[in-house]
PDB file of N, CA and C in Angstrom:
ATOM      1  N   MET A   1      55.633   1.014 -54.606  1.00  0.00           N
ATOM      2  CA  MET A   1      56.827   1.188 -53.140  1.00  0.00           C
ATOM      3  C   MET A   1      56.462   0.041 -52.454  1.00  0.00           C
ATOM      4  N   LEU A   2      55.157  -0.565 -52.595  1.00  0.00           N
ATOM      5  CA  LEU A   2      54.978  -1.942 -51.918  1.00  0.00           C
ATOM      6  C   LEU A   2      54.944  -3.182 -52.546  1.00  0.00           C
ATOM      7  N   LYS A   3      55.664  -3.151 -53.227  1.00  0.00           N
ATOM      8  CA  LYS A   3      55.831  -4.457 -54.691  1.00  0.00           C
ATOM      9  C   LYS A   3      56.268  -5.015 -54.134  1.00  0.00           C
ATOM     10  N   GLN A   4      57.808  -5.202 -53.223  1.00  0.00           N
ATOM     11  CA  GLN A   4      58.469  -6.073 -53.275  1.00  0.00           C
ATOM     12  C   GLN A   4      58.310  -5.921 -51.127  1.00  0.00           C
ATOM     13  N   VAL A   5      57.416  -5.473 -50.593  1.00  0.00           N
ATOM     14  CA  VAL A   5      57.591  -5.073 -49.355  1.00  0.00           C
ATOM     15  C   VAL A   5      56.537  -6.228 -48.930  1.00  0.00           C
ATOM     16  N   THR A   6      56.589  -7.265 -47.681  1.00  0.00           N
ATOM     17  CA  THR A   6      55.877  -7.917 -47.245  1.00  0.00           C
ATOM     18  C   THR A   6      54.841  -7.736 -46.257  1.00  0.00           C
ATOM     19  N   ASN A   7      55.682  -6.735 -45.022  1.00  0.00           N
ATOM     20  CA  ASN A   7      55.303  -6.338 -43.878  1.00  0.00           C
ATOM     21  C   ASN A   7      55.493  -5.129 -43.540  1.00  0.00           C
ATOM     22  N   VAL A   8      54.780  -4.206 -42.562  1.00  0.00           N
ATOM     23  CA  VAL A   8      54.750  -2.816 -42.232  1.00  0.00           C
ATOM     24  C   VAL A   8      54.132  -2.598 -41.119  1.00  0.00           C
ATOM     25  N   ARG A   9      54.969  -2.240 -40.055  1.00  0.00           N
ATOM     26  CA  ARG A   9      54.704  -2.274 -38.914  1.00  0.00           C
ATOM     27  C   ARG A   9      54.744  -0.717 -38.426  1.00  0.00           C
ATOM     28  N   VAL A  10      53.698   0.224 -38.014  1.00  0.00           N
ATOM     29  CA  VAL A  10      54.451   1.452 -37.796  1.00  0.00           C
ATOM     30  C   VAL A  10      53.555   1.887 -36.200  1.00  0.00           C
ATOM     31  N   SER A  11      54.582   2.271 -35.540  1.00  0.00           N
ATOM     32  CA  SER A  11      54.066   2.534 -34.050  1.00  0.00           C
ATOM     33  C   SER A  11      54.496   4.023 -33.970  1.00  0.00           C
ATOM     34  N   PHE A  12      53.439   4.592 -33.360  1.00  0.00           N
ATOM     35  CA  PHE A  12      53.768   6.323 -32.767  1.00  0.00           C
ATOM     36  C   PHE A  12      52.446   6.701 -31.958  1.00  0.00           C
ATOM     37  N   CYS A  13      52.421   8.029 -31.198  1.00  0.00           N
ATOM     38  CA  CYS A  13      51.583   8.353 -30.486  1.00  0.00           C
ATOM     39  C   CYS A  13      51.340   9.106 -31.063  1.00  0.00           C
ATOM     40  N   PRO A  14      50.181   9.524 -31.842  1.00  0.00           N
ATOM     41  CA  PRO A  14      49.374  10.439 -32.759  1.00  0.00           C
ATOM     42  C   PRO A  14      49.202  11.928 -31.976  1.00  0.00           C
ATOM     43  N   PHE A  15      49.187  12.250 -31.118  1.00  0.00           N
ATOM     44  CA  PHE A  15      49.689  13.593 -30.129  1.00  0.00           C
ATOM     45  C   PHE A  15      50.771  14.184 -29.874  1.00  0.00           C
ATOM     46  N   SER A  16      52.188  13.453 -30.412  1.00  0.00           N
ATOM     47  CA  SER A  16      53.632  14.117 -30.391  1.00  0.00           C
ATOM     48  C   SER A  16      53.245  14.756 -31.560  1.00  0.00           C
ATOM     49  N   ARG A  17      54.348  15.671 -31.143  1.00  0.00           N
ATOM     50  CA  ARG A  17      54.760  16.467 -32.460  1.00  0.00           C
ATOM     51  C   ARG A  17      55.821  15.991 -33.041  1.00  0.00           C
ATOM     52  N   ASN A  18      56.326  14.891 -32.589  1.00  0.00           N
ATOM     53  CA  ASN A  18      57.623  14.157 -33.480  1.00  0.00           C
ATOM     54  C   ASN A  18      57.321  13.320 -34.142  1.00  0.00           C
ATOM     55  N   THR A  19      55.997  12.803 -34.758  1.00  0.00           N
ATOM     56  CA  THR A  19      55.776  12.029 -35.590  1.00  0.00           C
ATOM     57  C   THR A  19      55.051  12.433 -36.967  1.00  0.00           C
ATOM     58  N   THR A  20      55.878  13.531 -37.469  1.00  0.00           N
ATOM     59  CA  THR A  20      54.879  14.438 -38.711  1.00  0.00           C
ATOM     60  C   THR A  20      55.568  13.312 -39.715  1.00  0.00           C
ATOM     61  N   SER A  21      57.178  12.614 -39.889  1.00  0.00           N
ATOM     62  CA  SER A  21      57.288  12.141 -40.640  1.00  0.00           C
ATOM     63  C   SER A  21      56.729  10.633 -40.815  1.00  0.00           C
ATOM     64  N   THR A  22      56.574  10.293 -39.859  1.00  0.00           N
ATOM     65  CA  THR A  22      55.734   8.678 -38.930  1.00  0.00           C
ATOM     66  C   THR A  22      54.481   8.473 -40.133  1.00  0.00           C
ATOM     67  N   LYS A  23      53.906   9.582 -39.772  1.00  0.00           N
ATOM     68  CA  LYS A  23      52.290  10.365 -40.474  1.00  0.00           C
ATOM     69  C   LYS A  23      52.638  10.100 -41.863  1.00  0.00           C
ATOM     70  N   VAL A  24      53.436  11.008 -42.255  1.00  0.00           N
ATOM     71  CA  VAL A  24      53.734  10.885 -43.837  1.00  0.00           C
ATOM     72  C   VAL A  24      54.005   9.574 -44.523  1.00  0.00           C
ATOM     73  N   PHE A  25      54.829   9.010 -44.044  1.00  0.00           N
ATOM     74  CA  PHE A  25      55.197   7.432 -44.258  1.00  0.00           C
ATOM     75  C   PHE A  25      53.837   6.349 -44.328  1.00  0.00           C
ATOM     76  N   LEU A  26      53.242   6.812 -43.373  1.00  0.00           N
ATOM     77  CA  LEU A  26      52.008   5.769 -43.484  1.00  0.00           C
ATOM     78  C   LEU A  26      50.641   6.457 -44.227  1.00  0.00           C
ATOM     79  N   ASN A  27      50.648   7.392 -44.182  1.00  0.00           N
ATOM     80  CA  ASN A  27      49.764   8.205 -45.404  1.00  0.00           C
ATOM     81  C   ASN A  27      50.143   7.630 -47.074  1.00  0.00           C
ATOM     82  N   ARG A  28      51.344   7.776 -47.179  1.00  0.00           N
ATOM     83  CA  ARG A  28      51.710   7.241 -48.466  1.00  0.00           C
ATOM     84  C   ARG A  28      51.400   5.610 -48.527  1.00  0.00           C
ATOM     85  N   VAL A  29      51.961   5.027 -47.694  1.00  0.00           N
ATOM     86  CA  VAL A  29      51.525   3.325 -48.037  1.00  0.00           C
ATOM     87  C   VAL A  29      50.497   3.008 -47.647  1.00  0.00           C
ATOM     88  N   LEU A  30      49.117   3.666 -47.261  1.00  0.00           N
ATOM     89  CA  LEU A  30      47.675   3.197 -47.352  1.00  0.00           C
ATOM     90  C   LEU A  30      47.480   3.855 -48.152  1.00  0.00           C
ATOM     91  N   SER A  31      48.333   4.511 -49.298  1.00  0.00           N
ATOM     92  CA  SER A  31      47.407   4.931 -50.510  1.00  0.00           C
ATOM     93  C   SER A  31      46.754   3.592 -51.318  1.00  0.00           C
ATOM     94  N   LYS A  32      45.407   3.875 -51.955  1.00  0.00           N
ATOM     95  CA  LYS A  32      44.944   3.209 -52.914  1.00  0.00           C
ATOM     96  C   LYS A  32      46.190   2.422 -54.231  1.00  0.00           C
ATOM     97  N   GLU A  33      47.432   3.296 -54.661  1.00  0.00           N
ATOM     98  CA  GLU A  33      47.811   2.589 -55.859  1.00  0.00           C
ATOM     99  C   GLU A  33      49.187   2.027 -54.607  1.00  0.00           C
ATOM    100  N   ASN A  34      49.514   2.482 -53.845  1.00  0.00           N
ATOM    101  CA  ASN A  34      50.434   1.006 -52.842  1.00  0.00           C
ATOM    102  C   ASN A  34      49.339   0.025 -52.493  1.00  0.00           C
ATOM    103  N   ASN A  35      48.242   0.242 -51.958  1.00  0.00           N
ATOM    104  CA  ASN A  35      47.594  -1.086 -51.614  1.00  0.00           C
ATOM    105  C   ASN A  35      47.277  -2.299 -53.098  1.00  0.00           C
ATOM    106  N   ALA A  36      47.128  -1.362 -54.194  1.00  0.00           N
ATOM    107  CA  ALA A  36      46.811  -2.148 -55.189  1.00  0.00           C
ATOM    108  C   ALA A  36      47.867  -2.741 -56.052  1.00  0.00           C
ATOM    109  N   ALA A  37      49.458  -2.211 -55.818  1.00  0.00           N
ATOM    110  CA  ALA A  37      50.353  -2.782 -56.303  1.00  0.00           C
ATOM    111  C   ALA A  37      50.527  -3.879 -55.430  1.00  0.00           C
ATOM    112  N   ASN A  38      50.629  -4.251 -54.305  1.00  0.00           N
ATOM    113  CA  ASN A  38      50.550  -5.633 -53.494  1.00  0.00           C
ATOM    114  C   ASN A  38      49.821  -5.539 -51.885  1.00  0.00           C
ATOM    115  N   PRO A  39      48.633  -6.335 -52.544  1.00  0.00           N
ATOM    116  CA  PRO A  39      47.401  -6.409 -51.834  1.00  0.00           C
ATOM    117  C   PRO A  39      47.885  -7.242 -50.685  1.00  0.00           C
ATOM    118  N   SER A  40      48.913  -8.286 -50.984  1.00  0.00           N
ATOM    119  CA  SER A  40      49.102  -9.136 -49.582  1.00  0.00           C
ATOM    120  C   SER A  40      50.108  -8.798 -48.579  1.00  0.00           C
ATOM    121  N   CYS A  41      50.695  -7.483 -48.877  1.00  0.00           N
ATOM    122  CA  CYS A  41      51.199  -6.740 -47.951  1.00  0.00           C
ATOM    123  C   CYS A  41      50.306  -6.464 -46.370  1.00  0.00           C
ATOM    124  N   LYS A  42      50.966  -6.486 -45.638  1.00  0.00           N
ATOM    125  CA  LYS A  42      50.630  -6.899 -44.724  1.00  0.00           C
ATOM    126  C   LYS A  42      51.070  -5.220 -43.576  1.00  0.00           C
ATOM    127  N   ILE A  43      49.534  -4.580 -43.066  1.00  0.00           N
ATOM    128  CA  ILE A  43      50.173  -3.096 -42.483  1.00  0.00           C
ATOM    129  C   ILE A  43      49.676  -3.085 -41.408  1.00  0.00           C
ATOM    130  N   ASP A  44      50.730  -2.985 -39.994  1.00  0.00           N
ATOM    131  CA  ASP A  44      49.892  -2.628 -38.990  1.00  0.00           C
ATOM    132  C   ASP A  44      50.465  -1.299 -38.235  1.00  0.00           C
ATOM    133  N   VAL A  45      49.468  -0.866 -37.820  1.00  0.00           N
ATOM    134  CA  VAL A  45      49.475   0.579 -37.200  1.00  0.00           C
ATOM    135  C   VAL A  45      49.176   0.125 -35.640  1.00  0.00           C
ATOM    136  N   VAL A  46      50.070   0.911 -34.701  1.00  0.00           N
ATOM    137  CA  VAL A  46      50.205   0.624 -33.132  1.00  0.00           C
ATOM    138  C   VAL A  46      49.892   1.782 -32.692  1.00  0.00           C
ATOM    139  N   THR A  47      49.290   2.482 -31.818  1.00  0.00           N
ATOM    140  CA  THR A  47      48.932   3.885 -31.167  1.00  0.00           C
ATOM    141  C   THR A  47      49.297   3.812 -29.650  1.00  0.00           C
ATOM    142  N   THR A  48      50.429   4.713 -29.809  1.00  0.00           N
ATOM    143  CA  THR A  48      50.449   4.434 -27.929  1.00  0.00           C
ATOM    144  C   THR A  48      49.888   6.015 -27.329  1.00  0.00           C
ATOM    145  N   ASN A  49      49.812   5.657 -26.164  1.00  0.00           N
ATOM    146  CA  ASN A  49      49.150   7.014 -25.470  1.00  0.00           C
ATOM    147  C   ASN A  49      50.466   7.685 -25.105  1.00  0.00           C
ATOM    148  N   PHE A  50      51.732   7.288 -24.903  1.00  0.00           N
ATOM    149  CA  PHE A  50      52.620   8.132 -24.094  1.00  0.00           C
ATOM    150  C   PHE A  50      53.625   9.257 -25.220  1.00  0.00           C
ATOM    151  N   ALA A  51      53.327  10.174 -24.970  1.00  0.00           N
ATOM    152  CA  ALA A  51      54.077  11.096 -26.355  1.00  0.00           C
ATOM    153  C   ALA A  51      55.742  11.001 -26.256  1.00  0.00           C
ATOM    154  N   LYS A  52      56.199  10.572 -25.038  1.00  0.00           N
ATOM    155  CA  LYS A  52      57.559  10.516 -24.957  1.00  0.00           C
ATOM    156  C   LYS A  52      58.318   9.374 -25.551  1.00  0.00           C
ATOM    157  N   ASP A  53      57.178   8.332 -26.072  1.00  0.00           N
ATOM    158  CA  ASP A  53      57.693   6.983 -26.798  1.00  0.00           C
ATOM    159  C   ASP A  53      58.336   7.126 -28.320  1.00  0.00           C
ATOM    160  N   PRO A  54      59.163   6.970 -28.698  1.00  0.00           N
ATOM    161  CA  PRO A  54      59.802   7.103 -30.233  1.00  0.00           C
ATOM    162  C   PRO A  54      58.856   6.445 -31.079  1.00  0.00           C
ATOM    163  N   SER A  55      58.520   7.423 -32.306  1.00  0.00           N
ATOM    164  CA  SER A  55      57.754   6.486 -33.152  1.00  0.00           C
ATOM    165  C   SER A  55      58.797   5.554 -34.234  1.00  0.00           C
ATOM    166  N   THR A  56      57.985   4.411 -34.683  1.00  0.00           N
ATOM    167  CA  THR A  56      59.358   3.539 -35.421  1.00  0.00           C
ATOM    168  C   THR A  56      58.162   2.847 -36.314  1.00  0.00           C
ATOM    169  N   ILE A  57      59.118   2.646 -37.169  1.00  0.00           N
ATOM    170  CA  ILE A  57      58.600   2.032 -38.533  1.00  0.00           C
ATOM    171  C   ILE A  57      59.671   0.653 -38.982  1.00  0.00           C
ATOM    172  N   ASP A  58      58.708  -0.504 -38.761  1.00  0.00           N
ATOM    173  CA  ASP A  58      59.517  -1.064 -39.668  1.00  0.00           C
ATOM    174  C   ASP A  58      58.981  -1.944 -40.893  1.00  0.00           C
ATOM    175  N   VAL A  59      59.938  -2.338 -41.627  1.00  0.00           N
ATOM    176  CA  VAL A  59      59.730  -2.596 -43.184  1.00  0.00           C
ATOM    177  C   VAL A  59      60.116  -3.841 -43.206  1.00  0.00           C
ATOM    178  N   THR A  60      60.073  -4.984 -43.748  1.00  0.00           N
ATOM    179  CA  THR A  60      60.280  -6.100 -44.065  1.00  0.00           C
ATOM    180  C   THR A  60      60.097  -6.608 -45.499  1.00  0.00           C
ATOM    181  N   PHE A  61      60.980  -6.731 -46.167  1.00  0.00           N
ATOM    182  CA  PHE A  61      60.998  -7.026 -47.948  1.00  0.00           C
ATOM    183  C   PHE A  61      61.084  -8.135 -47.894  1.00  0.00           C
ATOM    184  N   LYS A  62      60.588  -9.178 -49.235  1.00  0.00           N
ATOM    185  CA  LYS A  62      60.499 -10.486 -49.907  1.00  0.00           C
ATOM    186  C   LYS A  62      61.700 -10.908 -49.272  1.00  0.00           C
ATOM    187  N   ASP A  63      62.901 -10.306 -49.579  1.00  0.00           N
ATOM    188  CA  ASP A  63      63.902 -11.260 -49.381  1.00  0.00           C
ATOM    189  C   ASP A  63      64.363 -11.319 -47.816  1.00  0.00           C
ATOM    190  N   GLY A  64      64.085 -10.811 -46.888  1.00  0.00           N
ATOM    191  CA  GLY A  64      64.102 -11.257 -45.689  1.00  0.00           C
ATOM    192  C   GLY A  64      64.329  -9.942 -44.820  1.00  0.00           C
ATOM    193  N   LYS A  65      64.781  -9.163 -45.687  1.00  0.00           N
ATOM    194  CA  LYS A  65      65.765  -8.024 -45.166  1.00  0.00           C
ATOM    195  C   LYS A  65      64.781  -6.887 -44.754  1.00  0.00           C
ATOM    196  N   LYS A  66      64.902  -6.565 -43.229  1.00  0.00           N
ATOM    197  CA  LYS A  66      64.030  -5.416 -42.604  1.00  0.00           C
ATOM    198  C   LYS A  66      64.800  -4.332 -42.136  1.00  0.00           C
ATOM    199  N   PHE A  67      63.831  -3.019 -42.500  1.00  0.00           N
ATOM    200  CA  PHE A  67      64.181  -1.897 -42.323  1.00  0.00           C
ATOM    201  C   PHE A  67      64.165  -1.630 -40.787  1.00  0.00           C
ATOM    202  N   HIS A  68      64.636  -1.237 -40.036  1.00  0.00           N
ATOM    203  CA  HIS A  68      64.155  -0.752 -38.562  1.00  0.00           C
ATOM    204  C   HIS A  68      64.472   1.119 -38.874  1.00  0.00           C
ATOM    205  N   ILE A  69      63.053   2.242 -38.838  1.00  0.00           N
ATOM    206  CA  ILE A  69      63.441   3.177 -38.458  1.00  0.00           C
ATOM    207  C   ILE A  69      62.934   3.639 -37.178  1.00  0.00           C
ATOM    208  N   SER A  70      63.457   4.835 -36.399  1.00  0.00           N
ATOM    209  CA  SER A  70      63.329   5.491 -35.238  1.00  0.00           C
ATOM    210  C   SER A  70      63.378   7.060 -35.401  1.00  0.00           C
ATOM    211  N   SER A  71      61.981   7.498 -34.819  1.00  0.00           N
ATOM    212  CA  SER A  71      61.932   9.319 -34.837  1.00  0.00           C
ATOM    213  C   SER A  71      63.298   9.616 -34.250  1.00  0.00           C
ATOM    214  N   THR A  72      64.050   8.861 -33.786  1.00  0.00           N
ATOM    215  CA  THR A  72      65.420   9.370 -33.322  1.00  0.00           C
ATOM    216  C   THR A  72      66.181   9.577 -34.283  1.00  0.00           C
ATOM    217  N   ALA A  73      66.500   9.223 -35.771  1.00  0.00           N
ATOM    218  CA  ALA A  73      66.867   9.505 -36.942  1.00  0.00           C
ATOM    219  C   ALA A  73      66.589  10.513 -37.251  1.00  0.00           C
ATOM    220  N   LYS A  74      65.841  11.070 -37.324  1.00  0.00           N
ATOM    221  CA  LYS A  74      65.729  12.385 -37.505  1.00  0.00           C
ATOM    222  C   LYS A  74      65.231  12.950 -39.373  1.00  0.00           C
ATOM    223  N   LEU A  75      64.757  11.662 -39.724  1.00  0.00           N
ATOM    224  CA  LEU A  75      64.505  11.775 -41.476  1.00  0.00           C
ATOM    225  C   LEU A  75      62.987  12.509 -41.414  1.00  0.00           C
ATOM    226  N   SER A  76      62.824  12.994 -42.640  1.00  0.00           N
ATOM    227  CA  SER A  76      61.779  13.215 -43.022  1.00  0.00           C
ATOM    228  C   SER A  76      61.313  12.046 -43.695  1.00  0.00           C
ATOM    229  N   GLY A  77      59.628  12.467 -43.880  1.00  0.00           N
ATOM    230  CA  GLY A  77      58.927  11.332 -44.443  1.00  0.00           C
ATOM    231  C   GLY A  77      59.186  10.899 -45.880  1.00  0.00           C
ATOM    232  N   ASP A  78      59.779  12.031 -46.726  1.00  0.00           N
ATOM    233  CA  ASP A  78      59.942  11.650 -47.855  1.00  0.00           C
ATOM    234  C   ASP A  78      61.793  10.713 -47.802  1.00  0.00           C
ATOM    235  N   ASP A  79      62.472  11.200 -47.175  1.00  0.00           N
ATOM    236  CA  ASP A  79      63.578  10.716 -46.695  1.00  0.00           C
ATOM    237  C   ASP A  79      63.462   8.816 -46.469  1.00  0.00           C
ATOM    238  N   ILE A  80      62.545   8.745 -45.680  1.00  0.00           N
ATOM    239  CA  ILE A  80      62.031   7.045 -45.431  1.00  0.00           C
ATOM    240  C   ILE A  80      61.363   6.512 -46.760  1.00  0.00           C
ATOM    241  N   ILE A  81      60.836   7.405 -47.043  1.00  0.00           N
ATOM    242  CA  ILE A  81      59.945   6.913 -48.247  1.00  0.00           C
ATOM    243  C   ILE A  81      61.289   6.412 -49.717  1.00  0.00           C
ATOM    244  N   ALA A  82      62.261   7.420 -49.368  1.00  0.00           N
ATOM    245  CA  ALA A  82      63.235   7.341 -51.004  1.00  0.00           C
ATOM    246  C   ALA A  82      63.671   6.166 -50.367  1.00  0.00           C
ATOM    247  N   GLN A  83      64.115   5.509 -48.820  1.00  0.00           N
ATOM    248  CA  GLN A  83      64.830   4.178 -48.564  1.00  0.00           C
ATOM    249  C   GLN A  83      64.540   3.338 -48.881  1.00  0.00           C
ATOM    250  N   VAL A  84      63.029   2.894 -48.682  1.00  0.00           N
ATOM    251  CA  VAL A  84      62.221   2.083 -48.898  1.00  0.00           C
ATOM    252  C   VAL A  84      62.031   1.920 -50.770  1.00  0.00           C
ATOM    253  N   GLN A  85      62.106   2.713 -51.130  1.00  0.00           N
ATOM    254  CA  GLN A  85      61.673   2.704 -52.836  1.00  0.00           C
ATOM    255  C   GLN A  85      63.171   2.298 -53.605  1.00  0.00           C
ATOM    256  N   LYS A  86      64.246   2.894 -52.935  1.00  0.00           N
ATOM    257  CA  LYS A  86      65.672   2.201 -53.542  1.00  0.00           C
ATOM    258  C   LYS A  86      65.837   0.891 -53.381  1.00  0.00           C
ATOM    259  N   TYR A  87      65.516   0.468 -52.082  1.00  0.00           N
ATOM    260  CA  TYR A  87      65.875  -0.864 -52.127  1.00  0.00           C
ATOM    261  C   TYR A  87      64.671  -1.830 -52.429  1.00  0.00           C
ATOM    262  N   SER A  88      63.623  -1.640 -52.693  1.00  0.00           N
ATOM    263  CA  SER A  88      62.392  -2.235 -53.479  1.00  0.00           C
ATOM    264  C   SER A  88      62.905  -2.098 -54.981  1.00  0.00           C
ATOM    265  N   LYS A  89      63.241  -0.816 -55.289  1.00  0.00           N
ATOM    266  CA  LYS A  89      64.015  -1.297 -57.077  1.00  0.00           C
ATOM    267  C   LYS A  89      65.127  -2.268 -57.069  1.00  0.00           C
ATOM    268  N   ARG A  90      65.905  -1.913 -56.433  1.00  0.00           N
ATOM    269  CA  ARG A  90      67.279  -3.250 -56.202  1.00  0.00           C
ATOM    270  C   ARG A  90      66.610  -4.390 -56.250  1.00  0.00           C
ATOM    271  N   LEU A  91      65.533  -4.828 -55.497  1.00  0.00           N
ATOM    272  CA  LEU A  91      64.868  -6.273 -55.394  1.00  0.00           C
ATOM    273  C   LEU A  91      64.364  -6.627 -56.791  1.00  0.00           C
ATOM    274  N   SER A  92      63.672  -5.544 -57.206  1.00  0.00           N
ATOM    275  CA  SER A  92      62.787  -5.643 -58.469  1.00  0.00           C
ATOM    276  C   SER A  92      63.949  -5.814 -59.851  1.00  0.00           C
ATOM    277  N   GLN A  93      64.949  -5.220 -59.765  1.00  0.00           N
ATOM    278  CA  GLN A  93      66.094  -5.288 -61.016  1.00  0.00           C
ATOM    279  C   GLN A  93      66.618  -6.682 -60.849  1.00  0.00           C
ATOM    280  N   GLN A  94      66.900  -7.211 -59.173  1.00  0.00           N
ATOM    281  CA  GLN A  94      67.492  -8.249 -59.181  1.00  0.00           C
ATOM    282  C   GLN A  94      66.526  -9.695 -59.958  1.00  0.00           C
ATOM    283  N   GLU A  95      65.113  -9.655 -59.545  1.00  0.00           N
ATOM    284  CA  GLU A  95      64.150 -10.438 -60.036  1.00  0.00           C
ATOM    285  C   GLU A  95      64.069 -10.325 -61.688  1.00  0.00           C
ATOM    286  N   ASP A  96      64.155  -9.211 -62.176  1.00  0.00           N
ATOM    287  CA  ASP A  96      64.236  -9.125 -63.490  1.00  0.00           C
ATOM    288  C   ASP A  96      65.647  -9.824 -64.322  1.00  0.00           C
ATOM    289  N   LEU A  97      66.715  -9.433 -63.435  1.00  0.00           N
ATOM    290  CA  LEU A  97      67.676 -10.437 -64.174  1.00  0.00           C
ATOM    291  C   LEU A  97      67.910 -11.707 -63.799  1.00  0.00           C
ATOM    292  N   GLN A  98      67.227 -12.125 -62.594  1.00  0.00           N
ATOM    293  CA  GLN A  98      67.038 -13.877 -62.723  1.00  0.00           C
ATOM    294  C   GLN A  98      65.894 -14.346 -63.472  1.00  0.00           C
ATOM    295  N   GLY A  99      65.218 -13.013 -63.742  1.00  0.00           N
ATOM    296  CA  GLY A  99      63.732 -14.113 -64.949  1.00  0.00           C
ATOM    297  C   GLY A  99      64.151 -14.188 -65.967  1.00  0.00           C
ATOM    298  N   GLN A 100      65.521 -13.635 -66.898  1.00  0.00           N
ATOM    299  CA  GLN A 100      65.859 -13.498 -67.775  1.00  0.00           C
ATOM    300  C   GLN A 100      66.650 -15.020 -68.242  1.00  0.00           C
TER     301      GLN A 100
END
């Protein structure tokens, strides 16, 4: 999932009820497999003390494209991961086509 990603920034309040999808995404990003796929990917985790602050996920890809996902989007953790994987797969396919 992180092969085409250069930077991930996650901001959330760990005590808020609305951060489940953010925590699921962060758990998958911090897995050993993802870190091994792209050890140069920078992952920033920012915790806040205010439960009313929306959780946010910012993903920057190798081509400069940025995804910004807020908890107000009401996406599940799997939906967020699917979006990142879909775009990463598209970038990998473009690299493969340019390499031939």
